[in-house]
Amino acid sequence: MPPSLKFIAIASLCALLGACTLVKFPGVHRIEVQQGNIITQEMIDQLKPGMTRRQVQFVLGTPLLEDTYNPNRWDYVNRIRNKKGDISQERFSVYFDEDSLVSTSGDLQPADWP
């Protein structure tokens, strides 16, 4: 077999083995991938109007996104890809007026807000 043909055969084999993630082999362990902030309803229920940024950060953690053009908005995003490849996503945003919590929006809402 000529050396160039061997090289092409080995390169093709490496490319095929590298693409194994495209083929779902039975018995291959797949993990659940969680990205972002874990936000629960209990955490959101602790928020009260008028809380400072520091208090909100203590309750919810550091926001995943801080908009440089709108520093009065913090976004918390939680994205989970399960073992089958299905993706679920939850979003939650808090809005401030200066250093005071004014409102929230997203998939979850505080229970006792006016």
N, C-alpha and C. Protein backbone atom coordinates (compact mmCIF):
# COMPACT_ATOMS: atom_id res chain seq x y z
N MET A 1 0.85 -1.17 0.00
CA MET A 1 0.00 0.00 0.00
C MET A 1 0.90 1.23 0.00
N PRO A 2 0.66 2.18 -0.90
CA PRO A 2 1.49 3.38 -0.95
C PRO A 2 1.31 4.23 0.33
N PRO A 3 2.39 4.97 0.70
CA PRO A 3 2.32 5.75 1.93
C PRO A 3 1.21 6.81 1.92
N SER A 4 0.94 7.39 0.76
CA SER A 4 -0.11 8.42 0.72
C SER A 4 -1.48 7.81 0.98
N LEU A 5 -1.70 6.58 0.51
CA LEU A 5 -2.96 5.90 0.74
C LEU A 5 -3.11 5.52 2.21
N LYS A 6 -2.00 5.12 2.85
CA LYS A 6 -2.03 4.83 4.28
C LYS A 6 -2.39 6.08 5.07
N PHE A 7 -1.78 7.21 4.68
CA PHE A 7 -2.05 8.46 5.38
C PHE A 7 -3.53 8.84 5.27
N ILE A 8 -4.09 8.71 4.08
CA ILE A 8 -5.50 9.05 3.86
C ILE A 8 -6.39 8.10 4.66
N ALA A 9 -6.04 6.83 4.70
CA ALA A 9 -6.84 5.85 5.45
C ALA A 9 -6.81 6.16 6.95
N ILE A 10 -5.62 6.49 7.48
CA ILE A 10 -5.50 6.80 8.91
C ILE A 10 -6.23 8.11 9.23
N ALA A 11 -6.10 9.10 8.37
CA ALA A 11 -6.79 10.38 8.59
C ALA A 11 -8.30 10.19 8.55
N SER A 12 -8.79 9.37 7.65
CA SER A 12 -10.23 9.10 7.55
C SER A 12 -10.73 8.37 8.79
N LEU A 13 -9.95 7.41 9.27
CA LEU A 13 -10.33 6.67 10.46
C LEU A 13 -10.38 7.59 11.68
N CYS A 14 -9.41 8.48 11.80
CA CYS A 14 -9.39 9.45 12.92
C CYS A 14 -10.59 10.38 12.84
N ALA A 15 -10.94 10.81 11.65
CA ALA A 15 -12.10 11.69 11.48
C ALA A 15 -13.39 10.97 11.86
N LEU A 16 -13.51 9.72 11.46
CA LEU A 16 -14.71 8.96 11.81
C LEU A 16 -14.80 8.71 13.31
N LEU A 17 -13.70 8.40 13.95
CA LEU A 17 -13.72 8.18 15.40
C LEU A 17 -13.99 9.47 16.16
N GLY A 18 -13.53 10.57 15.62
CA GLY A 18 -13.78 11.86 16.26
C GLY A 18 -15.22 12.29 16.17
N ALA A 19 -15.93 11.77 15.21
CA ALA A 19 -17.35 12.12 15.01
C ALA A 19 -18.28 11.15 15.72
N CYS A 20 -17.77 10.35 16.62
CA CYS A 20 -18.60 9.36 17.30
C CYS A 20 -19.69 9.99 18.16
N THR A 21 -19.55 11.23 18.55
CA THR A 21 -20.59 11.85 19.36
C THR A 21 -21.85 12.10 18.55
N LEU A 22 -21.76 12.09 17.24
CA LEU A 22 -22.94 12.26 16.40
C LEU A 22 -23.79 10.99 16.39
N VAL A 23 -23.16 9.85 16.59
CA VAL A 23 -23.85 8.57 16.59
C VAL A 23 -24.15 8.20 18.04
N LYS A 24 -25.39 7.85 18.33
CA LYS A 24 -25.78 7.48 19.69
C LYS A 24 -25.54 5.98 19.88
N PHE A 25 -24.41 5.66 20.49
CA PHE A 25 -24.08 4.27 20.76
C PHE A 25 -24.83 3.81 22.01
N PRO A 26 -25.41 2.62 21.98
CA PRO A 26 -26.09 2.12 23.18
C PRO A 26 -25.08 1.85 24.29
N GLY A 27 -25.49 2.19 25.50
CA GLY A 27 -24.64 1.93 26.65
C GLY A 27 -23.63 3.02 26.95
N VAL A 28 -23.59 4.08 26.15
CA VAL A 28 -22.65 5.17 26.39
C VAL A 28 -23.26 6.09 27.43
N HIS A 29 -22.49 6.42 28.45
CA HIS A 29 -22.97 7.28 29.53
C HIS A 29 -22.99 8.74 29.09
N ARG A 30 -24.12 9.38 29.24
CA ARG A 30 -24.25 10.80 28.94
C ARG A 30 -24.62 11.51 30.23
N ILE A 31 -24.05 12.68 30.42
CA ILE A 31 -24.29 13.41 31.66
C ILE A 31 -25.26 14.56 31.43
N GLU A 32 -25.88 15.00 32.53
CA GLU A 32 -26.74 16.17 32.49
C GLU A 32 -25.85 17.39 32.69
N VAL A 33 -26.01 18.39 31.83
CA VAL A 33 -25.17 19.59 31.88
C VAL A 33 -26.02 20.76 32.35
N GLN A 34 -25.62 21.38 33.46
CA GLN A 34 -26.32 22.54 34.00
C GLN A 34 -25.41 23.75 33.87
N GLN A 35 -25.93 24.83 33.30
CA GLN A 35 -25.16 26.06 33.15
C GLN A 35 -25.97 27.22 33.70
N GLY A 36 -25.28 28.15 34.32
CA GLY A 36 -25.94 29.35 34.82
C GLY A 36 -26.20 29.29 36.30
N ASN A 37 -27.18 30.08 36.73
CA ASN A 37 -27.54 30.20 38.13
C ASN A 37 -28.70 29.29 38.46
N ILE A 38 -28.60 28.58 39.57
CA ILE A 38 -29.73 27.80 40.06
C ILE A 38 -30.59 28.74 40.89
N ILE A 39 -31.79 29.00 40.43
CA ILE A 39 -32.72 29.90 41.10
C ILE A 39 -33.97 29.10 41.45
N THR A 40 -34.35 29.11 42.72
CA THR A 40 -35.54 28.39 43.16
C THR A 40 -36.62 29.40 43.56
N GLN A 41 -37.86 28.91 43.65
CA GLN A 41 -38.96 29.77 44.06
C GLN A 41 -38.75 30.28 45.49
N GLU A 42 -38.16 29.46 46.35
CA GLU A 42 -37.90 29.88 47.73
C GLU A 42 -36.93 31.07 47.77
N MET A 43 -35.94 31.06 46.90
CA MET A 43 -34.99 32.17 46.83
C MET A 43 -35.70 33.44 46.35
N ILE A 44 -36.55 33.31 45.35
CA ILE A 44 -37.24 34.47 44.80
C ILE A 44 -38.24 35.03 45.80
N ASP A 45 -38.87 34.16 46.60
CA ASP A 45 -39.83 34.63 47.59
C ASP A 45 -39.16 35.46 48.69
N GLN A 46 -37.85 35.36 48.84
CA GLN A 46 -37.13 36.16 49.84
C GLN A 46 -36.93 37.60 49.39
N LEU A 47 -37.12 37.88 48.10
CA LEU A 47 -36.92 39.24 47.59
C LEU A 47 -38.06 40.14 48.03
N LYS A 48 -37.71 41.35 48.42
CA LYS A 48 -38.68 42.35 48.83
C LYS A 48 -38.36 43.66 48.11
N PRO A 49 -39.38 44.44 47.75
CA PRO A 49 -39.12 45.74 47.13
C PRO A 49 -38.28 46.62 48.06
N GLY A 50 -37.33 47.32 47.48
CA GLY A 50 -36.48 48.20 48.27
C GLY A 50 -35.17 47.57 48.75
N MET A 51 -34.96 46.28 48.47
CA MET A 51 -33.70 45.65 48.87
C MET A 51 -32.55 46.27 48.08
N THR A 52 -31.38 46.30 48.70
CA THR A 52 -30.21 46.84 48.01
C THR A 52 -29.64 45.78 47.06
N ARG A 53 -28.75 46.22 46.18
CA ARG A 53 -28.09 45.29 45.25
C ARG A 53 -27.33 44.20 46.02
N ARG A 54 -26.71 44.60 47.08
CA ARG A 54 -25.92 43.66 47.88
C ARG A 54 -26.82 42.59 48.51
N GLN A 55 -27.99 42.99 48.99
CA GLN A 55 -28.92 42.04 49.58
C GLN A 55 -29.46 41.07 48.52
N VAL A 56 -29.76 41.60 47.34
CA VAL A 56 -30.25 40.74 46.25
C VAL A 56 -29.17 39.75 45.84
N GLN A 57 -27.94 40.22 45.77
CA GLN A 57 -26.83 39.34 45.40
C GLN A 57 -26.61 38.27 46.48
N PHE A 58 -26.84 38.61 47.73
CA PHE A 58 -26.71 37.62 48.81
C PHE A 58 -27.76 36.53 48.67
N VAL A 59 -28.98 36.90 48.28
CA VAL A 59 -30.08 35.94 48.15
C VAL A 59 -29.94 35.10 46.89
N LEU A 60 -29.69 35.74 45.74
CA LEU A 60 -29.71 35.04 44.46
C LEU A 60 -28.33 34.65 43.93
N GLY A 61 -27.28 35.25 44.45
CA GLY A 61 -25.95 35.00 43.93
C GLY A 61 -25.58 36.02 42.87
N THR A 62 -24.39 35.90 42.35
CA THR A 62 -23.91 36.81 41.32
C THR A 62 -24.68 36.56 40.03
N PRO A 63 -25.18 37.61 39.39
CA PRO A 63 -25.95 37.41 38.16
C PRO A 63 -25.09 36.87 37.03
N LEU A 64 -25.70 36.07 36.19
CA LEU A 64 -24.99 35.54 35.03
C LEU A 64 -24.71 36.64 34.03
N LEU A 65 -25.64 37.56 33.85
CA LEU A 65 -25.49 38.65 32.88
C LEU A 65 -25.72 39.99 33.56
N GLU A 66 -24.77 40.88 33.38
CA GLU A 66 -24.93 42.27 33.79
C GLU A 66 -24.78 43.11 32.53
N ASP A 67 -25.86 43.74 32.12
CA ASP A 67 -25.88 44.52 30.89
C ASP A 67 -25.09 45.81 31.08
N THR A 68 -24.08 46.03 30.26
CA THR A 68 -23.26 47.22 30.39
C THR A 68 -24.01 48.47 29.96
N TYR A 69 -25.02 48.31 29.11
CA TYR A 69 -25.81 49.46 28.66
C TYR A 69 -26.97 49.77 29.60
N ASN A 70 -27.35 48.81 30.41
CA ASN A 70 -28.42 49.00 31.38
C ASN A 70 -27.97 48.41 32.71
N PRO A 71 -27.20 49.16 33.50
CA PRO A 71 -26.66 48.60 34.75
C PRO A 71 -27.71 48.39 35.82
N ASN A 72 -28.95 48.82 35.59
CA ASN A 72 -30.01 48.63 36.57
C ASN A 72 -30.79 47.34 36.35
N ARG A 73 -30.27 46.44 35.53
CA ARG A 73 -30.93 45.16 35.26
C ARG A 73 -29.91 44.04 35.42
N TRP A 74 -30.30 43.03 36.19
CA TRP A 74 -29.49 41.82 36.33
C TRP A 74 -30.30 40.65 35.81
N ASP A 75 -29.65 39.78 35.03
CA ASP A 75 -30.32 38.61 34.46
C ASP A 75 -29.72 37.33 35.03
N TYR A 76 -30.60 36.46 35.46
CA TYR A 76 -30.21 35.13 35.93
C TYR A 76 -30.79 34.11 34.97
N VAL A 77 -29.95 33.25 34.43
CA VAL A 77 -30.38 32.25 33.46
C VAL A 77 -29.91 30.88 33.94
N ASN A 78 -30.80 29.91 33.88
CA ASN A 78 -30.46 28.54 34.23
C ASN A 78 -30.83 27.66 33.04
N ARG A 79 -29.85 26.98 32.50
CA ARG A 79 -30.05 26.15 31.31
C ARG A 79 -29.57 24.74 31.61
N ILE A 80 -30.43 23.75 31.35
CA ILE A 80 -30.10 22.35 31.63
C ILE A 80 -30.30 21.53 30.37
N ARG A 81 -29.27 20.77 30.00
CA ARG A 81 -29.39 19.80 28.91
C ARG A 81 -29.38 18.42 29.54
N ASN A 82 -30.47 17.67 29.36
CA ASN A 82 -30.54 16.35 29.99
C ASN A 82 -29.79 15.31 29.16
N LYS A 83 -29.84 14.09 29.61
CA LYS A 83 -29.07 13.01 28.97
C LYS A 83 -29.53 12.72 27.55
N LYS A 84 -30.79 13.03 27.26
CA LYS A 84 -31.31 12.79 25.91
C LYS A 84 -30.98 13.93 24.95
N GLY A 85 -30.49 15.04 25.47
CA GLY A 85 -30.15 16.18 24.63
C GLY A 85 -31.21 17.27 24.64
N ASP A 86 -32.31 17.07 25.38
CA ASP A 86 -33.35 18.09 25.46
C ASP A 86 -32.87 19.23 26.35
N ILE A 87 -33.20 20.46 25.97
CA ILE A 87 -32.74 21.64 26.69
C ILE A 87 -33.93 22.34 27.33
N SER A 88 -33.81 22.65 28.63
CA SER A 88 -34.80 23.47 29.32
C SER A 88 -34.10 24.70 29.87
N GLN A 89 -34.78 25.83 29.86
CA GLN A 89 -34.16 27.08 30.27
C GLN A 89 -35.14 27.91 31.09
N GLU A 90 -34.64 28.50 32.18
CA GLU A 90 -35.43 29.42 32.99
C GLU A 90 -34.69 30.75 33.05
N ARG A 91 -35.45 31.83 32.97
CA ARG A 91 -34.87 33.18 33.02
C ARG A 91 -35.54 33.94 34.15
N PHE A 92 -34.74 34.81 34.79
CA PHE A 92 -35.26 35.68 35.84
C PHE A 92 -34.45 36.97 35.81
N SER A 93 -35.13 38.10 35.84
CA SER A 93 -34.46 39.40 35.80
C SER A 93 -34.93 40.24 36.98
N VAL A 94 -33.99 41.01 37.54
CA VAL A 94 -34.33 41.96 38.59
C VAL A 94 -33.95 43.36 38.10
N TYR A 95 -34.75 44.35 38.49
CA TYR A 95 -34.55 45.72 38.05
C TYR A 95 -34.37 46.62 39.26
N PHE A 96 -33.42 47.54 39.16
CA PHE A 96 -33.10 48.44 40.25
C PHE A 96 -33.35 49.88 39.82
N ASP A 97 -33.64 50.73 40.81
CA ASP A 97 -33.64 52.17 40.63
C ASP A 97 -32.57 52.68 41.58
N GLU A 98 -31.43 53.06 41.02
CA GLU A 98 -30.22 53.38 41.78
C GLU A 98 -29.75 52.12 42.52
N ASP A 99 -29.96 52.04 43.84
CA ASP A 99 -29.49 50.88 44.59
C ASP A 99 -30.67 50.15 45.25
N SER A 100 -31.86 50.34 44.72
CA SER A 100 -33.06 49.79 45.33
C SER A 100 -33.79 48.89 44.35
N LEU A 101 -34.18 47.69 44.80
CA LEU A 101 -34.91 46.74 43.96
C LEU A 101 -36.32 47.27 43.70
N VAL A 102 -36.67 47.34 42.41
CA VAL A 102 -37.95 47.91 42.02
C VAL A 102 -38.91 46.85 41.50
N SER A 103 -38.45 45.98 40.59
CA SER A 103 -39.35 44.99 40.00
C SER A 103 -38.57 43.78 39.53
N THR A 104 -39.33 42.75 39.14
CA THR A 104 -38.75 41.51 38.63
C THR A 104 -39.54 41.07 37.40
N SER A 105 -38.94 40.20 36.61
CA SER A 105 -39.66 39.59 35.48
C SER A 105 -39.01 38.25 35.20
N GLY A 106 -39.73 37.41 34.49
CA GLY A 106 -39.17 36.12 34.11
C GLY A 106 -40.14 34.97 34.35
N ASP A 107 -39.59 33.77 34.35
CA ASP A 107 -40.39 32.56 34.47
C ASP A 107 -40.95 32.37 35.88
N LEU A 108 -40.25 32.83 36.90
CA LEU A 108 -40.70 32.73 38.29
C LEU A 108 -40.94 34.14 38.82
N GLN A 109 -41.90 34.28 39.74
CA GLN A 109 -42.22 35.58 40.31
C GLN A 109 -42.35 35.45 41.84
N PRO A 110 -41.97 36.52 42.58
CA PRO A 110 -42.15 36.52 44.03
C PRO A 110 -43.63 36.38 44.38
N ALA A 111 -43.92 35.65 45.44
CA ALA A 111 -45.30 35.35 45.79
C ALA A 111 -46.07 36.55 46.31
N ASP A 112 -45.48 37.34 47.19
CA ASP A 112 -46.25 38.39 47.85
C ASP A 112 -45.80 39.80 47.46
N TRP A 113 -45.67 40.02 46.15
CA TRP A 113 -45.34 41.37 45.66
C TRP A 113 -46.64 42.05 45.28
N PRO A 114 -46.70 43.37 45.43
CA PRO A 114 -47.94 44.08 45.05
C PRO A 114 -48.19 44.06 43.56
